[in-house]
Amino acid sequence: MVALFKEGSQPAFVELYVRYEKKLIYFCKGFLKDESKAEDIIQDIFLQIFETSDALNTEKSFYAYLQTIAKNRVLYEARKSSIHLRYEQYAIKHGNDTTNKTEDTILDNDYEKLLNEMIDGLTPQQKEVFRLSRLQGLTYNEIADLLNISLRTVKKHASLALEKIKNQLMEHADIHFKTVMTLLLF
């Protein structure tokens, strides 16, 4: 099946997806304790495999390959959650240490303007999905229903938008880590 997919057979890809999706969700859910996050990870993994099918090794176990990718994604999510938790704890502990409220207000306004410019630079679909997800707090399922598009398409647009914004934020050396995390995690 992997060899057929590697040759470009989309039905082979669908078969691989159907065959392994539930096993991998169960695998990830065991670590994350969050089925929604597990489903998101598996969607991303299969999107990655679809986009890089020419790099697949048909000699090795496809399921073992999927498990390795899933394990790495789960570990990444755990690290990201840990960083987010530490940031929240830091922000709570040091949140009132501000010495210059006027300067902070000006910086916050500048950063908000910069973020809005970055959002405006997205494609119309990415912009819409990003705004609905990050600014209005809708789930990917709600966005898919609202826009009448597939969940996979919503996830793709959200991922591309976040990646583009993240890359642009990293280009601004004047923005410190706390601000980047706040803008990306809002």
C-alpha atoms as a PDB file:
ATOM      1  CA  MET A   1       0.000   0.000   0.000  1.00  0.00           C
ATOM      2  CA  VAL A   2       2.849   2.401   0.847  1.00  0.00           C
ATOM      3  CA  ALA A   3       4.527   1.691  -2.492  1.00  0.00           C
ATOM      4  CA  LEU A   4       1.276   2.478  -4.322  1.00  0.00           C
ATOM      5  CA  PHE A   5       0.895   5.706  -2.395  1.00  0.00           C
ATOM      6  CA  LYS A   6       4.504   6.632  -3.095  1.00  0.00           C
ATOM      7  CA  GLU A   7       3.748   6.190  -6.803  1.00  0.00           C
ATOM      8  CA  GLY A   8       0.928   8.722  -6.488  1.00  0.00           C
ATOM      9  CA  SER A   9      -2.143   6.613  -5.719  1.00  0.00           C
ATOM     10  CA  GLN A  10      -4.544   8.705  -3.655  1.00  0.00           C
ATOM     11  CA  PRO A  11      -6.805   5.714  -2.893  1.00  0.00           C
ATOM     12  CA  ALA A  12      -3.742   4.048  -1.345  1.00  0.00           C
ATOM     13  CA  PHE A  13      -3.237   7.118   0.854  1.00  0.00           C
ATOM     14  CA  VAL A  14      -6.894   7.019   1.935  1.00  0.00           C
ATOM     15  CA  GLU A  15      -6.535   3.326   2.776  1.00  0.00           C
ATOM     16  CA  LEU A  16      -3.409   3.995   4.860  1.00  0.00           C
ATOM     17  CA  TYR A  17      -5.189   6.818   6.636  1.00  0.00           C
ATOM     18  CA  VAL A  18      -8.237   4.692   7.433  1.00  0.00           C
ATOM     19  CA  ARG A  19      -6.047   1.781   8.517  1.00  0.00           C
ATOM     20  CA  TYR A  20      -3.877   3.712  10.974  1.00  0.00           C
ATOM     21  CA  GLU A  21      -5.768   6.834  12.062  1.00  0.00           C
ATOM     22  CA  LYS A  22      -7.625   5.367  15.051  1.00  0.00           C
ATOM     23  CA  LYS A  23      -4.593   3.423  16.311  1.00  0.00           C
ATOM     24  CA  LEU A  24      -2.477   6.557  16.230  1.00  0.00           C
ATOM     25  CA  ILE A  25      -5.135   8.703  17.898  1.00  0.00           C
ATOM     26  CA  TYR A  26      -5.360   6.117  20.678  1.00  0.00           C
ATOM     27  CA  PHE A  27      -1.554   6.094  20.931  1.00  0.00           C
ATOM     28  CA  CYS A  28      -1.330   9.898  21.217  1.00  0.00           C
ATOM     29  CA  LYS A  29      -4.353  10.194  23.498  1.00  0.00           C
ATOM     30  CA  GLY A  30      -2.629   7.843  25.945  1.00  0.00           C
ATOM     31  CA  PHE A  31       0.071  10.459  26.452  1.00  0.00           C
ATOM     32  CA  LEU A  32      -1.827  13.705  25.977  1.00  0.00           C
ATOM     33  CA  LYS A  33      -5.098  12.775  27.697  1.00  0.00           C
ATOM     34  CA  ASP A  34      -6.768  15.020  25.123  1.00  0.00           C
ATOM     35  CA  GLU A  35      -8.509  13.424  22.161  1.00  0.00           C
ATOM     36  CA  SER A  36      -8.862  16.685  20.263  1.00  0.00           C
ATOM     37  CA  LYS A  37      -5.117  17.379  20.426  1.00  0.00           C
ATOM     38  CA  ALA A  38      -4.424  13.769  19.462  1.00  0.00           C
ATOM     39  CA  GLU A  39      -6.679  14.117  16.414  1.00  0.00           C
ATOM     40  CA  ASP A  40      -4.967  17.375  15.438  1.00  0.00           C
ATOM     41  CA  ILE A  41      -1.549  15.734  15.659  1.00  0.00           C
ATOM     42  CA  ILE A  42      -2.633  12.799  13.503  1.00  0.00           C
ATOM     43  CA  GLN A  43      -4.145  15.147  10.907  1.00  0.00           C
ATOM     44  CA  ASP A  44      -0.860  17.056  10.774  1.00  0.00           C
ATOM     45  CA  ILE A  45       1.158  13.845  10.478  1.00  0.00           C
ATOM     46  CA  PHE A  46      -0.881  12.561   7.563  1.00  0.00           C
ATOM     47  CA  LEU A  47      -0.726  15.966   5.884  1.00  0.00           C
ATOM     48  CA  GLN A  48       3.048  15.891   6.256  1.00  0.00           C
ATOM     49  CA  ILE A  49       3.217  12.360   4.840  1.00  0.00           C
ATOM     50  CA  PHE A  50       0.963  13.331   1.946  1.00  0.00           C
ATOM     51  CA  GLU A  51       3.225  16.267   1.113  1.00  0.00           C
ATOM     52  CA  THR A  52       6.465  14.260   1.401  1.00  0.00           C
ATOM     53  CA  SER A  53       5.401  10.890   0.008  1.00  0.00           C
ATOM     54  CA  ASP A  54       8.460  10.636  -2.218  1.00  0.00           C
ATOM     55  CA  ALA A  55      10.674  10.350   0.892  1.00  0.00           C
ATOM     56  CA  LEU A  56       8.883   7.262   2.261  1.00  0.00           C
ATOM     57  CA  ASN A  57      10.934   4.095   2.690  1.00  0.00           C
ATOM     58  CA  THR A  58       8.872   1.134   1.490  1.00  0.00           C
ATOM     59  CA  GLU A  59      11.373  -1.296   3.038  1.00  0.00           C
ATOM     60  CA  LYS A  60      10.526  -0.355   6.629  1.00  0.00           C
ATOM     61  CA  SER A  61       7.366  -0.616   8.713  1.00  0.00           C
ATOM     62  CA  PHE A  62       5.022   2.238   7.864  1.00  0.00           C
ATOM     63  CA  TYR A  63       3.219   1.967  11.197  1.00  0.00           C
ATOM     64  CA  ALA A  64       6.509   2.146  13.125  1.00  0.00           C
ATOM     65  CA  TYR A  65       7.379   5.255  11.098  1.00  0.00           C
ATOM     66  CA  LEU A  66       4.005   6.805  11.965  1.00  0.00           C
ATOM     67  CA  GLN A  67       4.454   5.952  15.643  1.00  0.00           C
ATOM     68  CA  THR A  68       7.882   7.583  15.704  1.00  0.00           C
ATOM     69  CA  ILE A  69       6.516  10.783  14.183  1.00  0.00           C
ATOM     70  CA  ALA A  70       3.544  10.696  16.586  1.00  0.00           C
ATOM     71  CA  LYS A  71       5.815  10.162  19.599  1.00  0.00           C
ATOM     72  CA  ASN A  72       7.969  13.126  18.556  1.00  0.00           C
ATOM     73  CA  ARG A  73       4.891  15.324  18.104  1.00  0.00           C
ATOM     74  CA  VAL A  74       3.544  14.273  21.513  1.00  0.00           C
ATOM     75  CA  LEU A  75       6.881  15.133  23.118  1.00  0.00           C
ATOM     76  CA  TYR A  76       6.861  18.487  21.324  1.00  0.00           C
ATOM     77  CA  GLU A  77       3.335  19.199  22.605  1.00  0.00           C
ATOM     78  CA  ALA A  78       4.409  18.265  26.139  1.00  0.00           C
ATOM     79  CA  ARG A  79       7.397  20.620  25.938  1.00  0.00           C
ATOM     80  CA  LYS A  80       5.213  23.380  24.496  1.00  0.00           C
ATOM     81  CA  SER A  81       2.677  22.923  27.312  1.00  0.00           C
ATOM     82  CA  SER A  82       5.459  22.992  29.872  1.00  0.00           C
ATOM     83  CA  ILE A  83       6.884  26.209  28.411  1.00  0.00           C
ATOM     84  CA  HIS A  84       3.422  27.765  28.332  1.00  0.00           C
ATOM     85  CA  LEU A  85       2.813  26.790  31.959  1.00  0.00           C
ATOM     86  CA  ARG A  86       6.183  28.185  33.054  1.00  0.00           C
ATOM     87  CA  TYR A  87       5.465  31.409  31.156  1.00  0.00           C
ATOM     88  CA  GLU A  88       2.077  31.759  32.832  1.00  0.00           C
ATOM     89  CA  GLN A  89       3.660  31.189  36.235  1.00  0.00           C
ATOM     90  CA  TYR A  90       6.364  33.751  35.446  1.00  0.00           C
ATOM     91  CA  ALA A  91       3.811  36.269  34.194  1.00  0.00           C
ATOM     92  CA  ILE A  92       1.717  35.846  37.345  1.00  0.00           C
ATOM     93  CA  LYS A  93       4.757  36.164  39.593  1.00  0.00           C
ATOM     94  CA  HIS A  94       6.324  39.123  37.762  1.00  0.00           C
ATOM     95  CA  GLY A  95       3.272  40.654  36.161  1.00  0.00           C
ATOM     96  CA  ASN A  96       3.117  43.573  38.544  1.00  0.00           C
ATOM     97  CA  ASP A  97       6.821  44.470  38.287  1.00  0.00           C
ATOM     98  CA  THR A  98       6.176  46.999  35.537  1.00  0.00           C
ATOM     99  CA  THR A  99       7.947  50.255  36.176  1.00  0.00           C
ATOM    100  CA  ASN A 100       6.837  52.282  33.192  1.00  0.00           C
ATOM    101  CA  LYS A 101       3.147  51.802  32.379  1.00  0.00           C
ATOM    102  CA  THR A 102       3.131  54.423  29.611  1.00  0.00           C
ATOM    103  CA  GLU A 103       6.012  52.765  27.750  1.00  0.00           C
ATOM    104  CA  ASP A 104       4.357  49.358  28.136  1.00  0.00           C
ATOM    105  CA  THR A 105       1.087  50.704  26.751  1.00  0.00           C
ATOM    106  CA  ILE A 106       2.861  52.203  23.732  1.00  0.00           C
ATOM    107  CA  LEU A 107       4.758  48.954  23.109  1.00  0.00           C
ATOM    108  CA  ASP A 108       1.567  46.910  23.433  1.00  0.00           C
ATOM    109  CA  ASN A 109      -0.135  49.146  20.871  1.00  0.00           C
ATOM    110  CA  ASP A 110       2.844  48.859  18.514  1.00  0.00           C
ATOM    111  CA  TYR A 111       2.900  45.073  18.844  1.00  0.00           C
ATOM    112  CA  GLU A 112      -0.832  44.860  18.255  1.00  0.00           C
ATOM    113  CA  LYS A 113      -0.451  47.012  15.135  1.00  0.00           C
ATOM    114  CA  LEU A 114       2.409  44.793  13.932  1.00  0.00           C
ATOM    115  CA  LEU A 115       0.353  41.646  14.501  1.00  0.00           C
ATOM    116  CA  ASN A 116      -2.599  43.138  12.603  1.00  0.00           C
ATOM    117  CA  GLU A 117      -0.305  43.978   9.697  1.00  0.00           C
ATOM    118  CA  MET A 118       0.968  40.395   9.691  1.00  0.00           C
ATOM    119  CA  ILE A 119      -2.592  39.065   9.721  1.00  0.00           C
ATOM    120  CA  ASP A 120      -3.480  41.380   6.834  1.00  0.00           C
ATOM    121  CA  GLY A 121      -0.559  39.873   4.899  1.00  0.00           C
ATOM    122  CA  LEU A 122      -2.108  36.404   4.978  1.00  0.00           C
ATOM    123  CA  THR A 123      -4.143  34.961   2.141  1.00  0.00           C
ATOM    124  CA  PRO A 124      -7.877  35.638   2.493  1.00  0.00           C
ATOM    125  CA  GLN A 125      -8.559  32.045   3.596  1.00  0.00           C
ATOM    126  CA  GLN A 126      -5.713  32.002   6.107  1.00  0.00           C
ATOM    127  CA  LYS A 127      -6.792  35.388   7.465  1.00  0.00           C
ATOM    128  CA  GLU A 128     -10.394  34.262   7.916  1.00  0.00           C
ATOM    129  CA  VAL A 129      -9.446  31.004   9.649  1.00  0.00           C
ATOM    130  CA  PHE A 130      -6.847  32.745  11.833  1.00  0.00           C
ATOM    131  CA  ARG A 131      -9.261  35.456  12.952  1.00  0.00           C
ATOM    132  CA  LEU A 132     -12.054  32.965  13.689  1.00  0.00           C
ATOM    133  CA  SER A 133      -9.708  30.653  15.580  1.00  0.00           C
ATOM    134  CA  ARG A 134      -7.378  32.993  17.428  1.00  0.00           C
ATOM    135  CA  LEU A 135      -9.434  36.148  17.812  1.00  0.00           C
ATOM    136  CA  GLN A 136     -12.960  34.761  18.137  1.00  0.00           C
ATOM    137  CA  GLY A 137     -11.992  31.490  19.849  1.00  0.00           C
ATOM    138  CA  LEU A 138     -13.883  29.142  17.533  1.00  0.00           C
ATOM    139  CA  THR A 139     -12.788  25.518  17.273  1.00  0.00           C
ATOM    140  CA  TYR A 140     -11.609  24.108  13.969  1.00  0.00           C
ATOM    141  CA  ASN A 141     -14.827  22.082  13.725  1.00  0.00           C
ATOM    142  CA  GLU A 142     -16.930  25.219  14.232  1.00  0.00           C
ATOM    143  CA  ILE A 143     -14.915  27.073  11.600  1.00  0.00           C
ATOM    144  CA  ALA A 144     -15.299  24.210   9.124  1.00  0.00           C
ATOM    145  CA  ASP A 145     -19.070  24.247   9.642  1.00  0.00           C
ATOM    146  CA  LEU A 146     -19.275  28.042   9.464  1.00  0.00           C
ATOM    147  CA  LEU A 147     -17.210  28.329   6.275  1.00  0.00           C
ATOM    148  CA  ASN A 148     -18.591  25.124   4.775  1.00  0.00           C
ATOM    149  CA  ILE A 149     -15.116  23.668   4.196  1.00  0.00           C
ATOM    150  CA  SER A 150     -13.438  20.496   5.417  1.00  0.00           C
ATOM    151  CA  LEU A 151     -11.779  20.243   8.817  1.00  0.00           C
ATOM    152  CA  ARG A 152      -8.545  19.335   7.053  1.00  0.00           C
ATOM    153  CA  THR A 153      -8.684  22.558   5.012  1.00  0.00           C
ATOM    154  CA  VAL A 154      -9.273  24.611   8.166  1.00  0.00           C
ATOM    155  CA  LYS A 155      -6.283  22.989   9.866  1.00  0.00           C
ATOM    156  CA  LYS A 156      -4.109  23.557   6.820  1.00  0.00           C
ATOM    157  CA  HIS A 157      -4.987  27.273   6.637  1.00  0.00           C
ATOM    158  CA  ALA A 158      -4.518  27.710  10.397  1.00  0.00           C
ATOM    159  CA  SER A 159      -1.155  25.972  10.344  1.00  0.00           C
ATOM    160  CA  LEU A 160       0.116  27.989   7.389  1.00  0.00           C
ATOM    161  CA  ALA A 161      -1.097  31.262   8.919  1.00  0.00           C
ATOM    162  CA  LEU A 162       0.483  30.586  12.296  1.00  0.00           C
ATOM    163  CA  GLU A 163       3.756  29.495  10.696  1.00  0.00           C
ATOM    164  CA  LYS A 164       3.901  32.657   8.556  1.00  0.00           C
ATOM    165  CA  ILE A 165       3.162  34.932  11.516  1.00  0.00           C
ATOM    166  CA  LYS A 166       5.627  33.090  13.727  1.00  0.00           C
ATOM    167  CA  ASN A 167       8.385  33.431  11.109  1.00  0.00           C
ATOM    168  CA  GLN A 168       7.659  37.147  10.712  1.00  0.00           C
ATOM    169  CA  LEU A 169       7.707  37.678  14.478  1.00  0.00           C
ATOM    170  CA  MET A 170      11.073  35.961  14.738  1.00  0.00           C
ATOM    171  CA  GLU A 171      12.490  38.452  12.203  1.00  0.00           C
ATOM    172  CA  HIS A 172      11.859  41.309  14.649  1.00  0.00           C
ATOM    173  CA  ALA A 173      14.837  41.238  16.993  1.00  0.00           C
ATOM    174  CA  ASP A 174      13.339  44.108  18.990  1.00  0.00           C
ATOM    175  CA  ILE A 175      10.465  41.947  20.202  1.00  0.00           C
ATOM    176  CA  HIS A 176      11.397  40.054  23.338  1.00  0.00           C
ATOM    177  CA  PHE A 177      10.402  36.466  24.091  1.00  0.00           C
ATOM    178  CA  LYS A 178       7.543  37.383  26.450  1.00  0.00           C
ATOM    179  CA  THR A 179       5.852  39.445  23.744  1.00  0.00           C
ATOM    180  CA  VAL A 180       6.259  36.766  21.058  1.00  0.00           C
ATOM    181  CA  MET A 181       4.739  34.164  23.366  1.00  0.00           C
ATOM    182  CA  THR A 182       1.863  36.478  24.255  1.00  0.00           C
ATOM    183  CA  LEU A 183       1.108  37.251  20.609  1.00  0.00           C
ATOM    184  CA  LEU A 184       1.245  33.592  19.554  1.00  0.00           C
ATOM    185  CA  LEU A 185      -0.684  32.201  22.504  1.00  0.00           C
ATOM    186  CA  PHE A 186      -3.442  34.812  22.759  1.00  0.00           C
END
